[in-house]
ModelCIF file with pLDDT and N, C-alpha, C, O atoms, coordinates in Angstrom:
data_MODEL
#
_entry.id   MODEL 
#
_entity.id                         1 
_entity.type                       polymer 
_entity.pdbx_number_of_molecules   1 
#
_entity_poly.entity_id                      1 
_entity_poly.type                           'polypeptide(L)' 
_entity_poly.nstd_linkage                   no 
_entity_poly.nstd_monomer                   no 
_entity_poly.pdbx_seq_one_letter_code       
;(UNK)(UNK)(UNK)(UNK)(UNK)(UNK)(UNK)(UNK)(UNK)(UNK)(UNK)(UNK)(UNK)(UNK)(UNK)(UNK)
(UNK)(UNK)(UNK)(UNK)(UNK)(UNK)(UNK)(UNK)(UNK)(UNK)(UNK)(UNK)(UNK)(UNK)(UNK)
;
_entity_poly.pdbx_seq_one_letter_code_can   XXXXXXXXXXXXXXXXXXXXXXXXXXXXXXX 
_entity_poly.pdbx_strand_id                 A 
#
loop_
_entity_poly_seq.entity_id 
_entity_poly_seq.num 
_entity_poly_seq.mon_id 
_entity_poly_seq.hetero 
1 1  UNK n 
1 2  UNK n 
1 3  UNK n 
1 4  UNK n 
1 5  UNK n 
1 6  UNK n 
1 7  UNK n 
1 8  UNK n 
1 9  UNK n 
1 10 UNK n 
1 11 UNK n 
1 12 UNK n 
1 13 UNK n 
1 14 UNK n 
1 15 UNK n 
1 16 UNK n 
1 17 UNK n 
1 18 UNK n 
1 19 UNK n 
1 20 UNK n 
1 21 UNK n 
1 22 UNK n 
1 23 UNK n 
1 24 UNK n 
1 25 UNK n 
1 26 UNK n 
1 27 UNK n 
1 28 UNK n 
1 29 UNK n 
1 30 UNK n 
1 31 UNK n 
#
_struct_asym.id          A 
_struct_asym.entity_id   1 
#
loop_
_ma_qa_metric.id 
_ma_qa_metric.mode 
_ma_qa_metric.name 
_ma_qa_metric.software_group_id 
_ma_qa_metric.type 
1 global pLDDT . pLDDT 
2 local  pLDDT . pLDDT 
#
_ma_qa_metric_global.metric_id      1 
_ma_qa_metric_global.metric_value   93.58 
_ma_qa_metric_global.model_id       1 
_ma_qa_metric_global.ordinal_id     1 
#
loop_
_ma_qa_metric_local.label_asym_id 
_ma_qa_metric_local.label_comp_id 
_ma_qa_metric_local.label_seq_id 
_ma_qa_metric_local.metric_id 
_ma_qa_metric_local.metric_value 
_ma_qa_metric_local.model_id 
_ma_qa_metric_local.ordinal_id 
A UNK 1  2 95.00 1 1  
A UNK 2  2 93.00 1 2  
A UNK 3  2 91.00 1 3  
A UNK 4  2 92.00 1 4  
A UNK 5  2 93.00 1 5  
A UNK 6  2 90.00 1 6  
A UNK 7  2 92.00 1 7  
A UNK 8  2 95.00 1 8  
A UNK 9  2 95.00 1 9  
A UNK 10 2 96.00 1 10 
A UNK 11 2 95.00 1 11 
A UNK 12 2 94.00 1 12 
A UNK 13 2 93.00 1 13 
A UNK 14 2 96.00 1 14 
A UNK 15 2 96.00 1 15 
A UNK 16 2 93.00 1 16 
A UNK 17 2 94.00 1 17 
A UNK 18 2 96.00 1 18 
A UNK 19 2 95.00 1 19 
A UNK 20 2 96.00 1 20 
A UNK 21 2 97.00 1 21 
A UNK 22 2 97.00 1 22 
A UNK 23 2 96.00 1 23 
A UNK 24 2 95.00 1 24 
A UNK 25 2 95.00 1 25 
A UNK 26 2 94.00 1 26 
A UNK 27 2 90.00 1 27 
A UNK 28 2 86.00 1 28 
A UNK 29 2 88.00 1 29 
A UNK 30 2 91.00 1 30 
A UNK 31 2 92.00 1 31 
#
loop_
_atom_site.group_PDB 
_atom_site.id 
_atom_site.type_symbol 
_atom_site.label_atom_id 
_atom_site.label_alt_id 
_atom_site.label_comp_id 
_atom_site.label_asym_id 
_atom_site.label_entity_id 
_atom_site.label_seq_id 
_atom_site.pdbx_PDB_ins_code 
_atom_site.Cartn_x 
_atom_site.Cartn_y 
_atom_site.Cartn_z 
_atom_site.occupancy 
_atom_site.B_iso_or_equiv 
_atom_site.pdbx_formal_charge 
_atom_site.auth_seq_id 
_atom_site.auth_comp_id 
_atom_site.auth_asym_id 
_atom_site.auth_atom_id 
_atom_site.pdbx_PDB_model_num 
ATOM 1   N N  . UNK A 1 1  ? 130.676 109.152 64.366 1.00 95.00 ? 1  UNK A N  1 
ATOM 2   C CA . UNK A 1 1  ? 130.529 110.567 64.735 1.00 95.00 ? 1  UNK A CA 1 
ATOM 3   C C  . UNK A 1 1  ? 129.992 110.763 66.141 1.00 95.00 ? 1  UNK A C  1 
ATOM 4   O O  . UNK A 1 1  ? 130.453 111.655 66.853 1.00 95.00 ? 1  UNK A O  1 
ATOM 5   N N  . UNK A 1 2  ? 129.025 109.947 66.561 1.00 93.00 ? 2  UNK A N  1 
ATOM 6   C CA . UNK A 1 2  ? 128.353 110.253 67.824 1.00 93.00 ? 2  UNK A CA 1 
ATOM 7   C C  . UNK A 1 2  ? 128.384 109.142 68.861 1.00 93.00 ? 2  UNK A C  1 
ATOM 8   O O  . UNK A 1 2  ? 127.962 109.367 69.995 1.00 93.00 ? 2  UNK A O  1 
ATOM 9   N N  . UNK A 1 3  ? 128.862 107.967 68.522 1.00 91.00 ? 3  UNK A N  1 
ATOM 10  C CA . UNK A 1 3  ? 128.839 106.850 69.459 1.00 91.00 ? 3  UNK A CA 1 
ATOM 11  C C  . UNK A 1 3  ? 127.595 106.004 69.254 1.00 91.00 ? 3  UNK A C  1 
ATOM 12  O O  . UNK A 1 3  ? 126.743 106.327 68.427 1.00 91.00 ? 3  UNK A O  1 
ATOM 13  N N  . UNK A 1 4  ? 127.496 104.912 70.015 1.00 92.00 ? 4  UNK A N  1 
ATOM 14  C CA . UNK A 1 4  ? 126.413 103.945 69.795 1.00 92.00 ? 4  UNK A CA 1 
ATOM 15  C C  . UNK A 1 4  ? 125.071 104.408 70.358 1.00 92.00 ? 4  UNK A C  1 
ATOM 16  O O  . UNK A 1 4  ? 125.018 105.265 71.241 1.00 92.00 ? 4  UNK A O  1 
ATOM 17  N N  . UNK A 1 5  ? 123.981 103.828 69.832 1.00 93.00 ? 5  UNK A N  1 
ATOM 18  C CA . UNK A 1 5  ? 122.654 104.080 70.386 1.00 93.00 ? 5  UNK A CA 1 
ATOM 19  C C  . UNK A 1 5  ? 122.436 103.205 71.619 1.00 93.00 ? 5  UNK A C  1 
ATOM 20  O O  . UNK A 1 5  ? 123.284 102.381 71.960 1.00 93.00 ? 5  UNK A O  1 
ATOM 21  N N  . UNK A 1 6  ? 121.306 103.388 72.277 1.00 90.00 ? 6  UNK A N  1 
ATOM 22  C CA . UNK A 1 6  ? 120.961 102.530 73.412 1.00 90.00 ? 6  UNK A CA 1 
ATOM 23  C C  . UNK A 1 6  ? 120.532 101.142 72.947 1.00 90.00 ? 6  UNK A C  1 
ATOM 24  O O  . UNK A 1 6  ? 120.672 100.170 73.690 1.00 90.00 ? 6  UNK A O  1 
ATOM 25  N N  . UNK A 1 7  ? 120.004 101.040 71.712 1.00 92.00 ? 7  UNK A N  1 
ATOM 26  C CA . UNK A 1 7  ? 119.569 99.752  71.158 1.00 92.00 ? 7  UNK A CA 1 
ATOM 27  C C  . UNK A 1 7  ? 119.478 99.887  69.645 1.00 92.00 ? 7  UNK A C  1 
ATOM 28  O O  . UNK A 1 7  ? 119.437 100.996 69.113 1.00 92.00 ? 7  UNK A O  1 
ATOM 29  N N  . UNK A 1 8  ? 119.447 98.744  68.954 1.00 95.00 ? 8  UNK A N  1 
ATOM 30  C CA . UNK A 1 8  ? 119.339 98.764  67.494 1.00 95.00 ? 8  UNK A CA 1 
ATOM 31  C C  . UNK A 1 8  ? 118.546 97.559  67.013 1.00 95.00 ? 8  UNK A C  1 
ATOM 32  O O  . UNK A 1 8  ? 118.624 96.475  67.590 1.00 95.00 ? 8  UNK A O  1 
ATOM 33  N N  . UNK A 1 9  ? 117.785 97.767  65.950 1.00 95.00 ? 9  UNK A N  1 
ATOM 34  C CA . UNK A 1 9  ? 117.097 96.689  65.248 1.00 95.00 ? 9  UNK A CA 1 
ATOM 35  C C  . UNK A 1 9  ? 117.730 96.632  63.860 1.00 95.00 ? 9  UNK A C  1 
ATOM 36  O O  . UNK A 1 9  ? 117.632 97.586  63.088 1.00 95.00 ? 9  UNK A O  1 
ATOM 37  N N  . UNK A 1 10 ? 118.365 95.535  63.553 1.00 96.00 ? 10 UNK A N  1 
ATOM 38  C CA . UNK A 1 10 ? 119.182 95.385  62.356 1.00 96.00 ? 10 UNK A CA 1 
ATOM 39  C C  . UNK A 1 10 ? 118.571 94.344  61.428 1.00 96.00 ? 10 UNK A C  1 
ATOM 40  O O  . UNK A 1 10 ? 118.412 93.186  61.814 1.00 96.00 ? 10 UNK A O  1 
ATOM 41  N N  . UNK A 1 11 ? 118.227 94.746  60.209 1.00 95.00 ? 11 UNK A N  1 
ATOM 42  C CA . UNK A 1 11 ? 117.747 93.796  59.210 1.00 95.00 ? 11 UNK A CA 1 
ATOM 43  C C  . UNK A 1 11 ? 118.924 92.943  58.754 1.00 95.00 ? 11 UNK A C  1 
ATOM 44  O O  . UNK A 1 11 ? 119.924 93.470  58.268 1.00 95.00 ? 11 UNK A O  1 
ATOM 45  N N  . UNK A 1 12 ? 118.810 91.637  58.908 1.00 94.00 ? 12 UNK A N  1 
ATOM 46  C CA . UNK A 1 12 ? 119.914 90.726  58.600 1.00 94.00 ? 12 UNK A CA 1 
ATOM 47  C C  . UNK A 1 12 ? 120.351 90.823  57.141 1.00 94.00 ? 12 UNK A C  1 
ATOM 48  O O  . UNK A 1 12 ? 121.547 90.802  56.849 1.00 94.00 ? 12 UNK A O  1 
ATOM 49  N N  . UNK A 1 13 ? 119.399 90.926  56.235 1.00 93.00 ? 13 UNK A N  1 
ATOM 50  C CA . UNK A 1 13 ? 119.738 91.002  54.812 1.00 93.00 ? 13 UNK A CA 1 
ATOM 51  C C  . UNK A 1 13 ? 120.531 92.277  54.509 1.00 93.00 ? 13 UNK A C  1 
ATOM 52  O O  . UNK A 1 13 ? 121.537 92.234  53.801 1.00 93.00 ? 13 UNK A O  1 
ATOM 53  N N  . UNK A 1 14 ? 120.075 93.402  55.044 1.00 96.00 ? 14 UNK A N  1 
ATOM 54  C CA . UNK A 1 14 ? 120.745 94.687  54.814 1.00 96.00 ? 14 UNK A CA 1 
ATOM 55  C C  . UNK A 1 14 ? 122.154 94.672  55.394 1.00 96.00 ? 14 UNK A C  1 
ATOM 56  O O  . UNK A 1 14 ? 123.071 95.244  54.804 1.00 96.00 ? 14 UNK A O  1 
ATOM 57  N N  . UNK A 1 15 ? 122.335 94.029  56.532 1.00 96.00 ? 15 UNK A N  1 
ATOM 58  C CA . UNK A 1 15 ? 123.619 94.030  57.240 1.00 96.00 ? 15 UNK A CA 1 
ATOM 59  C C  . UNK A 1 15 ? 124.611 93.010  56.697 1.00 96.00 ? 15 UNK A C  1 
ATOM 60  O O  . UNK A 1 15 ? 125.779 93.017  57.084 1.00 96.00 ? 15 UNK A O  1 
ATOM 61  N N  . UNK A 1 16 ? 124.162 92.143  55.811 1.00 93.00 ? 16 UNK A N  1 
ATOM 62  C CA . UNK A 1 16 ? 124.993 91.038  55.330 1.00 93.00 ? 16 UNK A CA 1 
ATOM 63  C C  . UNK A 1 16 ? 126.378 91.521  54.896 1.00 93.00 ? 16 UNK A C  1 
ATOM 64  O O  . UNK A 1 16 ? 126.508 92.412  54.057 1.00 93.00 ? 16 UNK A O  1 
ATOM 65  N N  . UNK A 1 17 ? 127.416 90.908  55.493 1.00 94.00 ? 17 UNK A N  1 
ATOM 66  C CA . UNK A 1 17 ? 128.797 91.267  55.190 1.00 94.00 ? 17 UNK A CA 1 
ATOM 67  C C  . UNK A 1 17 ? 129.361 92.342  56.107 1.00 94.00 ? 17 UNK A C  1 
ATOM 68  O O  . UNK A 1 17 ? 130.568 92.583  56.099 1.00 94.00 ? 17 UNK A O  1 
ATOM 69  N N  . UNK A 1 18 ? 128.509 92.992  56.898 1.00 96.00 ? 18 UNK A N  1 
ATOM 70  C CA . UNK A 1 18 ? 128.957 94.052  57.806 1.00 96.00 ? 18 UNK A CA 1 
ATOM 71  C C  . UNK A 1 18 ? 128.660 93.727  59.266 1.00 96.00 ? 18 UNK A C  1 
ATOM 72  O O  . UNK A 1 18 ? 128.737 94.605  60.126 1.00 96.00 ? 18 UNK A O  1 
ATOM 73  N N  . UNK A 1 19 ? 128.327 92.489  59.545 1.00 95.00 ? 19 UNK A N  1 
ATOM 74  C CA . UNK A 1 19 ? 127.921 92.112  60.896 1.00 95.00 ? 19 UNK A CA 1 
ATOM 75  C C  . UNK A 1 19 ? 128.982 92.454  61.945 1.00 95.00 ? 19 UNK A C  1 
ATOM 76  O O  . UNK A 1 19 ? 128.666 93.038  62.982 1.00 95.00 ? 19 UNK A O  1 
ATOM 77  N N  . UNK A 1 20 ? 130.204 92.099  61.682 1.00 96.00 ? 20 UNK A N  1 
ATOM 78  C CA . UNK A 1 20 ? 131.282 92.325  62.655 1.00 96.00 ? 20 UNK A CA 1 
ATOM 79  C C  . UNK A 1 20 ? 131.489 93.817  62.921 1.00 96.00 ? 20 UNK A C  1 
ATOM 80  O O  . UNK A 1 20 ? 131.664 94.223  64.070 1.00 96.00 ? 20 UNK A O  1 
ATOM 81  N N  . UNK A 1 21 ? 131.469 94.621  61.880 1.00 97.00 ? 21 UNK A N  1 
ATOM 82  C CA . UNK A 1 21 ? 131.653 96.070  62.056 1.00 97.00 ? 21 UNK A CA 1 
ATOM 83  C C  . UNK A 1 21 ? 130.483 96.689  62.826 1.00 97.00 ? 21 UNK A C  1 
ATOM 84  O O  . UNK A 1 21 ? 130.673 97.560  63.674 1.00 97.00 ? 21 UNK A O  1 
ATOM 85  N N  . UNK A 1 22 ? 129.276 96.224  62.516 1.00 97.00 ? 22 UNK A N  1 
ATOM 86  C CA . UNK A 1 22 ? 128.093 96.743  63.226 1.00 97.00 ? 22 UNK A CA 1 
ATOM 87  C C  . UNK A 1 22 ? 128.169 96.364  64.693 1.00 97.00 ? 22 UNK A C  1 
ATOM 88  O O  . UNK A 1 22 ? 127.912 97.196  65.563 1.00 97.00 ? 22 UNK A O  1 
ATOM 89  N N  . UNK A 1 23 ? 128.520 95.116  64.976 1.00 96.00 ? 23 UNK A N  1 
ATOM 90  C CA . UNK A 1 23 ? 128.628 94.683  66.372 1.00 96.00 ? 23 UNK A CA 1 
ATOM 91  C C  . UNK A 1 23 ? 129.708 95.468  67.105 1.00 96.00 ? 23 UNK A C  1 
ATOM 92  O O  . UNK A 1 23 ? 129.547 95.790  68.283 1.00 96.00 ? 23 UNK A O  1 
ATOM 93  N N  . UNK A 1 24 ? 130.792 95.775  66.428 1.00 95.00 ? 24 UNK A N  1 
ATOM 94  C CA . UNK A 1 24 ? 131.848 96.581  67.043 1.00 95.00 ? 24 UNK A CA 1 
ATOM 95  C C  . UNK A 1 24 ? 131.390 97.992  67.368 1.00 95.00 ? 24 UNK A C  1 
ATOM 96  O O  . UNK A 1 24 ? 131.813 98.575  68.366 1.00 95.00 ? 24 UNK A O  1 
ATOM 97  N N  . UNK A 1 25 ? 130.530 98.535  66.530 1.00 95.00 ? 25 UNK A N  1 
ATOM 98  C CA . UNK A 1 25 ? 130.028 99.897  66.731 1.00 95.00 ? 25 UNK A CA 1 
ATOM 99  C C  . UNK A 1 25 ? 128.886 99.955  67.733 1.00 95.00 ? 25 UNK A C  1 
ATOM 100 O O  . UNK A 1 25 ? 128.669 100.983 68.374 1.00 95.00 ? 25 UNK A O  1 
ATOM 101 N N  . UNK A 1 26 ? 128.148 98.843  67.871 1.00 94.00 ? 26 UNK A N  1 
ATOM 102 C CA . UNK A 1 26 ? 127.005 98.777  68.791 1.00 94.00 ? 26 UNK A CA 1 
ATOM 103 C C  . UNK A 1 26 ? 127.236 97.565  69.699 1.00 94.00 ? 26 UNK A C  1 
ATOM 104 O O  . UNK A 1 26 ? 126.813 96.456  69.372 1.00 94.00 ? 26 UNK A O  1 
ATOM 105 N N  . UNK A 1 27 ? 127.898 97.772  70.826 1.00 90.00 ? 27 UNK A N  1 
ATOM 106 C CA . UNK A 1 27 ? 128.312 96.642  71.653 1.00 90.00 ? 27 UNK A CA 1 
ATOM 107 C C  . UNK A 1 27 ? 127.215 96.006  72.508 1.00 90.00 ? 27 UNK A C  1 
ATOM 108 O O  . UNK A 1 27 ? 127.472 95.019  73.197 1.00 90.00 ? 27 UNK A O  1 
ATOM 109 N N  . UNK A 1 28 ? 126.022 96.544  72.476 1.00 86.00 ? 28 UNK A N  1 
ATOM 110 C CA . UNK A 1 28 ? 124.947 95.991  73.301 1.00 86.00 ? 28 UNK A CA 1 
ATOM 111 C C  . UNK A 1 28 ? 123.619 96.061  72.579 1.00 86.00 ? 28 UNK A C  1 
ATOM 112 O O  . UNK A 1 28 ? 123.502 96.750  71.566 1.00 86.00 ? 28 UNK A O  1 
ATOM 113 N N  . UNK A 1 29 ? 122.656 95.388  73.064 1.00 88.00 ? 29 UNK A N  1 
ATOM 114 C CA . UNK A 1 29 ? 121.234 95.425  72.724 1.00 88.00 ? 29 UNK A CA 1 
ATOM 115 C C  . UNK A 1 29 ? 120.922 95.551  71.219 1.00 88.00 ? 29 UNK A C  1 
ATOM 116 O O  . UNK A 1 29 ? 120.284 96.503  70.770 1.00 88.00 ? 29 UNK A O  1 
ATOM 117 N N  . UNK A 1 30 ? 121.390 94.569  70.479 1.00 91.00 ? 30 UNK A N  1 
ATOM 118 C CA . UNK A 1 30 ? 121.040 94.477  69.061 1.00 91.00 ? 30 UNK A CA 1 
ATOM 119 C C  . UNK A 1 30 ? 119.961 93.399  68.910 1.00 91.00 ? 30 UNK A C  1 
ATOM 120 O O  . UNK A 1 30 ? 120.091 92.297  69.444 1.00 91.00 ? 30 UNK A O  1 
ATOM 121 N N  . UNK A 1 31 ? 118.908 93.731  68.182 1.00 92.00 ? 31 UNK A N  1 
ATOM 122 C CA . UNK A 1 31 ? 117.913 92.747  67.773 1.00 92.00 ? 31 UNK A CA 1 
ATOM 123 C C  . UNK A 1 31 ? 118.033 92.590  66.267 1.00 92.00 ? 31 UNK A C  1 
ATOM 124 O O  . UNK A 1 31 ? 117.296 91.809  65.667 1.00 92.00 ? 31 UNK A O  1 
#
């Protein structure tokens, strides 16, 4: 809906199985 944030903190367990989609949506500054 709005585009990516300036940065993101991603819990690995919560993101499990969606890593590629999250990286595609947030192309920079992921912790």
